[in-house]
N, C-alpha and C. Protein backbone atom coordinates (compact mmCIF):
# COMPACT_ATOMS: atom_id res chain seq x y z
N MET A 1 1.07 -1.44 0.10
CA MET A 1 -0.11 0.26 0.25
C MET A 1 0.93 1.72 0.03
N LYS A 2 1.74 1.52 0.69
CA LYS A 2 2.69 1.99 0.59
C LYS A 2 3.44 2.62 -0.44
N SER A 3 3.78 1.51 -1.51
CA SER A 3 4.42 1.72 -2.59
C SER A 3 3.57 2.44 -3.59
N LEU A 4 2.21 1.62 -3.54
CA LEU A 4 0.89 2.65 -4.47
C LEU A 4 0.70 4.12 -3.84
N PHE A 5 1.26 3.92 -2.69
CA PHE A 5 0.61 5.86 -2.72
C PHE A 5 1.72 6.39 -2.63
N PHE A 6 3.08 5.80 -2.34
CA PHE A 6 4.27 6.66 -3.37
C PHE A 6 4.25 7.14 -4.66
N TYR A 7 3.99 5.58 -5.06
CA TYR A 7 3.61 5.51 -6.79
C TYR A 7 2.80 7.26 -7.37
N LEU A 8 1.62 7.00 -6.43
CA LEU A 8 0.66 8.29 -6.56
C LEU A 8 1.33 9.64 -6.79
N MET A 9 2.27 9.45 -5.41
CA MET A 9 2.73 11.03 -5.40
C MET A 9 3.44 11.77 -5.74
N LEU A 10 4.64 10.26 -6.62
CA LEU A 10 5.09 10.38 -7.65
C LEU A 10 4.70 11.19 -9.04
N ILE A 11 3.70 10.96 -9.40
CA ILE A 11 3.22 11.19 -10.57
C ILE A 11 2.38 12.14 -10.21
N SER A 12 2.13 12.70 -8.95
CA SER A 12 1.48 13.82 -8.75
C SER A 12 2.22 15.15 -8.79
N MET A 13 3.95 14.85 -8.11
CA MET A 13 4.29 15.76 -8.27
C MET A 13 5.18 16.03 -9.42
N THR A 14 5.16 14.88 -10.47
CA THR A 14 5.65 15.33 -12.26
C THR A 14 4.99 15.88 -12.81
N LEU A 15 3.36 16.06 -12.84
CA LEU A 15 2.99 16.28 -13.12
C LEU A 15 2.89 18.18 -13.19
N ALA A 16 2.70 18.61 -11.73
CA ALA A 16 2.83 19.67 -11.61
C ALA A 16 4.38 20.14 -11.51
N SER A 17 5.40 19.65 -11.61
CA SER A 17 6.26 20.64 -12.22
C SER A 17 6.44 20.57 -13.73
N CYS A 18 6.03 19.47 -14.32
CA CYS A 18 6.07 19.51 -15.87
C CYS A 18 4.74 20.65 -16.72
N GLY A 19 3.98 21.47 -15.81
CA GLY A 19 3.33 22.46 -16.37
C GLY A 19 1.99 21.56 -16.08
N GLY A 20 1.52 20.76 -15.47
CA GLY A 20 0.03 20.50 -15.63
C GLY A 20 -0.72 20.02 -16.33
N ASN A 21 -1.74 20.60 -16.45
CA ASN A 21 -2.87 20.45 -17.66
C ASN A 21 -2.52 21.49 -18.28
N SER A 22 -1.77 22.38 -18.84
CA SER A 22 -1.41 23.87 -20.33
C SER A 22 -1.44 22.69 -21.08
N LYS A 23 -2.92 24.11 -22.09
CA LYS A 23 -3.21 22.96 -22.94
C LYS A 23 -3.52 23.62 -24.49
N SER A 24 -2.47 24.32 -24.76
CA SER A 24 -2.36 24.87 -25.73
C SER A 24 -0.47 24.44 -26.53
N GLU A 25 -0.54 24.51 -27.66
CA GLU A 25 1.04 23.97 -27.76
C GLU A 25 1.52 24.81 -29.16
N LYS A 26 3.06 25.43 -29.14
CA LYS A 26 4.11 25.62 -29.70
C LYS A 26 4.68 24.66 -30.49
N GLN A 27 4.39 24.37 -31.83
CA GLN A 27 5.70 23.72 -32.57
C GLN A 27 7.00 23.97 -32.41
N ASN A 28 7.97 23.26 -31.85
CA ASN A 28 9.18 24.09 -31.89
C ASN A 28 10.27 22.07 -32.41
N ASN A 29 9.44 22.33 -34.51
CA ASN A 29 10.02 21.34 -35.04
C ASN A 29 11.13 21.15 -35.84
N ASN A 30 12.00 20.18 -34.82
CA ASN A 30 13.40 20.18 -34.86
C ASN A 30 13.55 19.69 -36.31
N GLU A 31 12.13 19.37 -37.02
CA GLU A 31 13.18 19.31 -38.64
C GLU A 31 12.66 20.22 -39.66
N PRO A 32 14.02 20.43 -40.67
CA PRO A 32 13.22 21.40 -41.19
C PRO A 32 12.19 21.35 -42.16
N LYS A 33 11.73 22.69 -42.70
CA LYS A 33 10.66 22.97 -43.54
C LYS A 33 10.65 21.54 -44.89
N GLU A 34 12.04 21.37 -45.22
CA GLU A 34 12.08 20.99 -46.42
C GLU A 34 12.34 19.40 -46.11
N ALA A 35 12.84 19.16 -44.89
CA ALA A 35 12.58 17.36 -44.86
C ALA A 35 11.41 16.95 -44.47
N THR A 36 10.33 17.89 -43.64
CA THR A 36 8.94 17.38 -44.20
C THR A 36 7.99 17.45 -44.76
N SER A 37 8.54 18.34 -46.45
CA SER A 37 8.23 18.18 -47.14
C SER A 37 8.90 16.82 -47.88
N LYS A 38 9.96 16.28 -47.51
CA LYS A 38 10.06 15.06 -48.15
C LYS A 38 9.31 13.59 -47.98
N LEU A 39 8.52 13.64 -46.73
CA LEU A 39 8.36 13.32 -46.02
C LEU A 39 7.60 11.51 -46.79
N SER A 40 8.10 10.30 -46.21
CA SER A 40 7.67 9.85 -46.96
C SER A 40 6.62 8.94 -46.38
N ALA A 41 5.90 8.24 -47.41
CA ALA A 41 3.81 8.09 -47.21
C ALA A 41 4.12 6.98 -45.95
N ASN A 42 4.96 6.07 -46.04
CA ASN A 42 5.20 5.20 -45.06
C ASN A 42 6.62 5.30 -43.77
N HIS A 43 6.17 6.11 -43.30
CA HIS A 43 7.12 6.65 -42.02
C HIS A 43 6.81 6.67 -40.51
N ILE A 44 7.66 6.88 -39.58
CA ILE A 44 7.30 7.11 -37.97
C ILE A 44 8.00 8.46 -37.69
N GLU A 45 6.75 8.79 -36.35
CA GLU A 45 6.58 9.94 -36.49
C GLU A 45 6.90 10.10 -34.79
N VAL A 46 8.04 10.41 -34.54
CA VAL A 46 8.73 10.50 -32.95
C VAL A 46 7.88 12.26 -32.54
N LEU A 47 7.32 11.99 -31.58
CA LEU A 47 6.56 12.97 -31.14
C LEU A 47 6.98 13.82 -30.01
N TYR A 48 7.71 14.45 -28.83
CA TYR A 48 7.60 15.20 -28.02
C TYR A 48 6.74 16.09 -27.51
N PHE A 49 6.02 15.90 -27.12
CA PHE A 49 4.89 17.03 -25.97
C PHE A 49 5.47 17.58 -25.04
N HIS A 50 5.59 19.27 -24.75
CA HIS A 50 5.97 19.43 -23.66
C HIS A 50 5.09 21.02 -23.08
N GLY A 51 5.11 21.22 -21.69
CA GLY A 51 4.52 22.62 -21.49
C GLY A 51 5.69 23.65 -21.58
N SER A 52 4.93 24.92 -20.90
CA SER A 52 6.44 26.01 -21.19
C SER A 52 7.09 26.00 -19.33
N GLN A 53 6.39 25.11 -18.70
CA GLN A 53 7.15 24.83 -17.60
C GLN A 53 8.29 23.82 -17.74
N ARG A 54 9.16 23.13 -17.74
CA ARG A 54 10.11 21.76 -17.82
C ARG A 54 10.52 20.83 -16.85
N CYS A 55 10.55 19.64 -16.35
CA CYS A 55 11.32 19.99 -14.94
C CYS A 55 12.47 18.76 -15.86
N ILE A 56 13.27 18.32 -15.40
CA ILE A 56 14.99 17.44 -15.24
C ILE A 56 14.60 16.71 -16.27
N THR A 57 13.72 15.68 -15.81
CA THR A 57 13.06 14.71 -16.58
C THR A 57 12.53 15.10 -18.07
N CYS A 58 12.04 15.54 -18.66
CA CYS A 58 10.99 16.54 -19.59
C CYS A 58 12.17 16.88 -20.23
N ARG A 59 13.56 17.09 -20.21
CA ARG A 59 14.65 17.68 -20.46
C ARG A 59 14.82 16.26 -20.50
N ALA A 60 15.32 15.50 -20.26
CA ALA A 60 15.84 14.12 -20.06
C ALA A 60 15.02 13.47 -21.50
N ILE A 61 13.63 13.49 -21.62
CA ILE A 61 13.34 12.59 -22.62
C ILE A 61 13.40 13.11 -24.14
N GLU A 62 13.06 14.45 -24.13
CA GLU A 62 14.02 15.66 -25.26
C GLU A 62 15.24 15.60 -25.42
N SER A 63 16.61 15.35 -24.55
CA SER A 63 17.53 15.28 -25.38
C SER A 63 18.29 13.91 -25.66
N ASN A 64 17.35 12.56 -25.09
CA ASN A 64 17.70 11.64 -25.24
C ASN A 64 17.19 11.07 -26.56
N THR A 65 16.27 11.55 -26.82
CA THR A 65 15.80 10.83 -27.67
C THR A 65 16.88 11.79 -29.28
N LEU A 66 16.64 12.97 -28.83
CA LEU A 66 17.40 13.77 -30.39
C LEU A 66 18.66 13.52 -30.21
N ALA A 67 19.65 12.80 -29.39
CA ALA A 67 21.00 11.92 -29.21
C ALA A 67 21.05 10.38 -29.92
N LEU A 68 19.83 10.18 -29.84
CA LEU A 68 19.69 8.91 -30.20
C LEU A 68 18.93 8.82 -31.74
N LEU A 69 18.39 9.48 -31.97
CA LEU A 69 17.80 9.91 -33.21
C LEU A 69 18.81 10.39 -34.36
N ASP A 70 20.01 11.14 -34.09
CA ASP A 70 21.08 11.67 -34.53
C ASP A 70 22.23 10.93 -34.37
N SER A 71 22.44 10.25 -33.63
CA SER A 71 23.31 9.01 -33.94
C SER A 71 23.31 7.40 -34.58
N LEU A 72 21.40 7.53 -34.89
CA LEU A 72 21.88 6.36 -35.72
C LEU A 72 20.38 6.03 -36.35
N TYR A 73 19.71 7.27 -36.57
CA TYR A 73 18.83 7.78 -38.11
C TYR A 73 18.94 8.61 -38.72
N THR A 74 20.35 8.98 -38.67
CA THR A 74 20.54 10.61 -39.69
C THR A 74 19.79 9.84 -41.33
N LYS A 75 20.26 9.07 -41.87
CA LYS A 75 19.67 8.14 -43.13
C LYS A 75 18.18 8.36 -43.25
N GLU A 76 17.39 7.85 -42.13
CA GLU A 76 16.22 7.87 -42.13
C GLU A 76 15.68 8.90 -41.78
N LYS A 77 16.17 10.16 -41.02
CA LYS A 77 15.51 11.09 -41.30
C LYS A 77 15.46 11.87 -42.17
N ALA A 78 16.57 11.63 -42.83
CA ALA A 78 16.90 12.88 -44.70
C ALA A 78 16.20 11.99 -45.60
N ASP A 79 15.78 11.29 -45.44
CA ASP A 79 14.69 10.38 -46.71
C ASP A 79 13.38 10.65 -45.73
N GLY A 80 12.45 11.09 -44.53
CA GLY A 80 11.42 11.62 -44.24
C GLY A 80 11.07 9.99 -44.01
N LYS A 81 11.74 8.93 -43.33
CA LYS A 81 11.63 7.64 -42.86
C LYS A 81 10.94 7.91 -41.25
N ILE A 82 11.73 8.57 -40.91
CA ILE A 82 11.52 9.31 -39.92
C ILE A 82 11.63 10.52 -39.32
N VAL A 83 10.42 11.07 -38.86
CA VAL A 83 10.39 12.62 -38.53
C VAL A 83 10.15 12.94 -37.01
N PHE A 84 11.10 13.98 -36.28
CA PHE A 84 11.34 14.04 -35.03
C PHE A 84 10.49 15.56 -34.64
N ARG A 85 9.65 15.53 -34.11
CA ARG A 85 9.00 17.16 -34.15
C ARG A 85 8.70 17.51 -32.63
N VAL A 86 9.19 18.51 -31.90
CA VAL A 86 9.03 18.91 -30.31
C VAL A 86 7.96 20.03 -30.58
N ILE A 87 6.77 19.39 -29.42
CA ILE A 87 6.10 20.21 -29.50
C ILE A 87 5.51 21.09 -28.68
N ASP A 88 5.71 22.31 -27.96
CA ASP A 88 5.07 22.76 -27.11
C ASP A 88 3.85 23.10 -26.90
N ILE A 89 2.90 22.46 -26.18
CA ILE A 89 1.36 22.26 -25.84
C ILE A 89 0.77 24.02 -25.22
N SER A 90 2.08 24.25 -24.67
CA SER A 90 1.64 25.83 -23.91
C SER A 90 1.22 27.26 -25.13
N ASP A 91 1.07 26.87 -26.68
CA ASP A 91 0.88 27.98 -27.62
C ASP A 91 0.14 27.47 -28.33
N GLU A 92 -1.36 27.92 -28.18
CA GLU A 92 -2.64 27.80 -28.69
C GLU A 92 -1.96 27.66 -30.29
N LYS A 93 -1.46 27.78 -31.35
CA LYS A 93 -1.06 26.87 -32.47
C LYS A 93 -1.00 25.39 -32.43
N ASN A 94 -1.06 25.11 -31.40
CA ASN A 94 -0.38 23.21 -30.87
C ASN A 94 -1.61 22.78 -30.52
N GLU A 95 -2.89 23.91 -30.19
CA GLU A 95 -3.93 22.87 -30.07
C GLU A 95 -4.07 21.76 -30.25
N LYS A 96 -4.83 21.64 -31.68
CA LYS A 96 -5.51 20.30 -32.37
C LYS A 96 -4.78 19.69 -32.15
N ILE A 97 -3.20 19.71 -32.63
CA ILE A 97 -2.55 18.33 -32.51
C ILE A 97 -2.52 17.52 -30.87
N ALA A 98 -2.87 18.55 -29.64
CA ALA A 98 -1.90 17.67 -28.38
C ALA A 98 -4.07 17.92 -28.31
N ASP A 99 -4.65 18.11 -28.36
CA ASP A 99 -5.89 17.33 -28.37
C ASP A 99 -6.38 16.10 -29.40
N LYS A 100 -5.31 16.08 -30.49
CA LYS A 100 -5.55 14.62 -31.31
C LYS A 100 -5.12 13.28 -30.60
N TYR A 101 -3.93 13.82 -29.72
CA TYR A 101 -3.69 13.12 -28.93
C TYR A 101 -3.62 12.98 -27.36
N GLU A 102 -4.32 13.82 -26.57
CA GLU A 102 -5.14 13.97 -25.75
C GLU A 102 -4.05 14.42 -25.22
N VAL A 103 -3.47 15.22 -25.06
CA VAL A 103 -2.18 15.51 -24.11
C VAL A 103 -2.27 17.07 -23.67
N THR A 104 -1.84 16.74 -22.23
CA THR A 104 -1.96 17.61 -21.48
C THR A 104 -0.85 18.12 -20.25
N TRP A 105 0.14 17.10 -21.21
CA TRP A 105 1.54 17.56 -20.71
C TRP A 105 2.48 17.01 -21.02
N SER A 106 3.56 16.88 -20.38
CA SER A 106 4.72 16.17 -21.03
C SER A 106 4.27 14.90 -21.59
N SER A 107 4.87 14.31 -23.27
CA SER A 107 4.53 13.01 -23.60
C SER A 107 5.63 12.78 -24.75
N LEU A 108 5.65 11.21 -24.98
CA LEU A 108 6.28 11.19 -25.82
C LEU A 108 5.40 10.05 -26.56
N PHE A 109 5.58 10.37 -28.12
CA PHE A 109 4.64 8.94 -29.15
C PHE A 109 5.58 8.80 -30.30
N VAL A 110 5.81 7.29 -30.30
CA VAL A 110 6.60 6.86 -31.39
C VAL A 110 5.00 6.06 -32.44
N ASN A 111 4.93 7.49 -33.34
CA ASN A 111 3.75 6.55 -34.02
C ASN A 111 4.34 6.07 -35.77
N GLY A 112 3.64 5.10 -35.86
CA GLY A 112 3.75 4.58 -37.21
C GLY A 112 2.69 4.80 -38.34
N TRP A 113 3.70 4.97 -38.93
CA TRP A 113 2.05 5.68 -40.60
C TRP A 113 2.10 4.66 -41.63
N LYS A 114 1.40 3.84 -41.94
CA LYS A 114 1.42 2.92 -43.50
C LYS A 114 0.65 2.81 -43.87
N ASN A 115 0.69 3.50 -45.29
CA ASN A 115 -0.46 2.96 -46.28
C ASN A 115 -1.76 3.89 -45.75
N GLY A 116 -1.63 5.20 -45.33
CA GLY A 116 -2.17 6.37 -44.61
C GLY A 116 -2.74 5.63 -43.06
N LYS A 117 -2.62 4.79 -42.39
CA LYS A 117 -3.24 4.24 -40.95
C LYS A 117 -2.05 5.39 -40.35
N GLU A 118 -2.50 5.21 -38.99
CA GLU A 118 -1.52 5.82 -38.19
C GLU A 118 -1.41 4.62 -37.37
N SER A 119 -0.50 4.10 -36.61
CA SER A 119 -0.26 3.09 -35.73
C SER A 119 0.04 4.17 -34.38
N VAL A 120 -0.69 3.98 -33.13
CA VAL A 120 -0.07 5.74 -32.10
C VAL A 120 0.87 3.82 -31.23
N ASN A 121 1.42 4.80 -30.61
CA ASN A 121 2.26 4.48 -29.43
C ASN A 121 2.88 5.32 -28.52
N ASN A 122 1.84 5.52 -27.26
CA ASN A 122 2.22 6.30 -26.27
C ASN A 122 3.09 5.59 -24.89
N MET A 123 4.44 6.43 -25.27
CA MET A 123 5.41 5.93 -24.33
C MET A 123 6.33 7.10 -23.49
N THR A 124 4.85 7.38 -22.92
CA THR A 124 4.94 8.57 -21.89
C THR A 124 5.62 8.04 -20.90
N GLU A 125 4.78 6.81 -20.28
CA GLU A 125 5.26 6.11 -18.89
C GLU A 125 6.89 5.48 -19.39
N PHE A 126 7.25 4.99 -20.14
CA PHE A 126 8.60 4.41 -20.39
C PHE A 126 9.53 5.31 -20.38
N GLY A 127 9.37 6.85 -21.03
CA GLY A 127 10.20 7.94 -21.04
C GLY A 127 10.60 8.59 -19.44
N PHE A 128 9.64 8.69 -18.78
CA PHE A 128 9.35 9.06 -17.40
C PHE A 128 10.10 8.14 -16.66
N SER A 129 10.00 6.76 -16.54
CA SER A 129 10.56 5.48 -16.09
C SER A 129 12.01 5.96 -15.77
N TYR A 130 12.61 6.09 -17.37
CA TYR A 130 13.99 5.58 -17.86
C TYR A 130 14.70 6.56 -18.25
N ALA A 131 13.82 7.95 -18.37
CA ALA A 131 15.49 9.06 -19.61
C ALA A 131 16.00 9.98 -18.25
N LYS A 132 15.82 9.83 -17.24
CA LYS A 132 16.21 10.68 -16.32
C LYS A 132 17.41 9.79 -16.24
N ASN A 133 17.38 8.56 -14.91
CA ASN A 133 18.14 7.90 -14.13
C ASN A 133 18.76 7.00 -15.29
N SER A 134 18.13 6.19 -15.93
CA SER A 134 18.43 5.18 -17.23
C SER A 134 18.75 5.91 -18.36
N PRO A 135 19.48 6.14 -18.64
CA PRO A 135 19.58 7.05 -20.15
C PRO A 135 19.98 5.29 -21.15
N ASP A 136 20.43 4.87 -20.76
CA ASP A 136 21.18 3.65 -21.62
C ASP A 136 19.15 2.81 -22.27
N GLU A 137 19.06 2.37 -20.69
CA GLU A 137 17.77 2.07 -21.00
C GLU A 137 16.74 2.26 -22.05
N PHE A 138 16.93 4.04 -21.07
CA PHE A 138 15.24 4.58 -22.11
C PHE A 138 15.69 4.38 -23.73
N LYS A 139 17.42 4.91 -24.09
CA LYS A 139 17.28 4.68 -26.04
C LYS A 139 17.29 3.45 -26.57
N LYS A 140 17.97 2.33 -25.90
CA LYS A 140 17.80 1.08 -26.16
C LYS A 140 16.35 0.86 -26.73
N GLY A 141 15.65 0.85 -25.69
CA GLY A 141 13.69 0.70 -25.44
C GLY A 141 13.37 2.18 -26.63
N LEU A 142 13.92 2.82 -26.68
CA LEU A 142 13.17 3.38 -27.79
C LEU A 142 14.11 3.06 -29.13
N LYS A 143 15.22 2.54 -28.66
CA LYS A 143 15.40 1.91 -30.24
C LYS A 143 14.59 0.87 -30.71
N ASP A 144 14.74 -0.33 -29.95
CA ASP A 144 13.82 -1.37 -29.96
C ASP A 144 12.79 -1.09 -30.50
N LYS A 145 12.33 0.01 -30.19
CA LYS A 145 10.54 0.54 -30.61
C LYS A 145 10.55 1.11 -31.89
N ILE A 146 11.39 1.67 -32.62
CA ILE A 146 11.59 2.62 -33.66
C ILE A 146 12.34 1.42 -35.03
N ASP A 147 12.88 0.58 -34.31
CA ASP A 147 13.38 -0.74 -35.05
C ASP A 147 12.40 -1.55 -35.80
N GLN A 148 11.69 -1.91 -34.81
CA GLN A 148 10.41 -3.02 -34.73
C GLN A 148 8.98 -1.98 -35.81
N MET A 149 9.15 -1.00 -35.84
CA MET A 149 8.17 -0.15 -36.55
C MET A 149 8.86 0.21 -38.21
N LEU A 150 10.41 0.17 -38.31
CA LEU A 150 10.89 0.58 -39.28
C LEU A 150 10.91 -1.05 -40.06
N SER A 151 10.82 -1.95 -39.47
CA SER A 151 10.50 -3.21 -40.11
C SER A 151 9.33 -3.08 -40.79
N GLU A 152 8.41 -3.09 -39.91
CA GLU A 152 6.91 -2.73 -40.48
C GLU A 152 6.82 -2.28 -41.65
N LEU A 153 7.63 -1.27 -41.86
CA LEU A 153 7.12 0.36 -43.13
C LEU A 153 7.15 -0.52 -44.46
């Protein structure tokens, strides 16, 4: 019972430190406009959502994701097979995408697009579990998911 209470308190503190229910979104798209125009019909979108207030773990999710993509998937990013987008949910112009994924705080999605159909994979809990304290485990899990999805394209 104590561990459940601790876990709920940890989640509550994380939500509060990450900006809670900010509900609009600025897109700091890390992909240049020309790269998104090369988007492959079958591709993977790595979406990292954040609010205006960002905790250490939120920043670790973004930096570790970017480091992994830049070190292992530069060709796939250049070919439009993988797109990484950083989206600020505190900017009103990003409200539509935040609503689509029901995002109200920092979140990580790795979604596959094949033949016009989207496969949504919410990896937020995984990200918060590993990105800060076990970055190698985080990168391994993210790599495994991306590799699995690439093999299905």
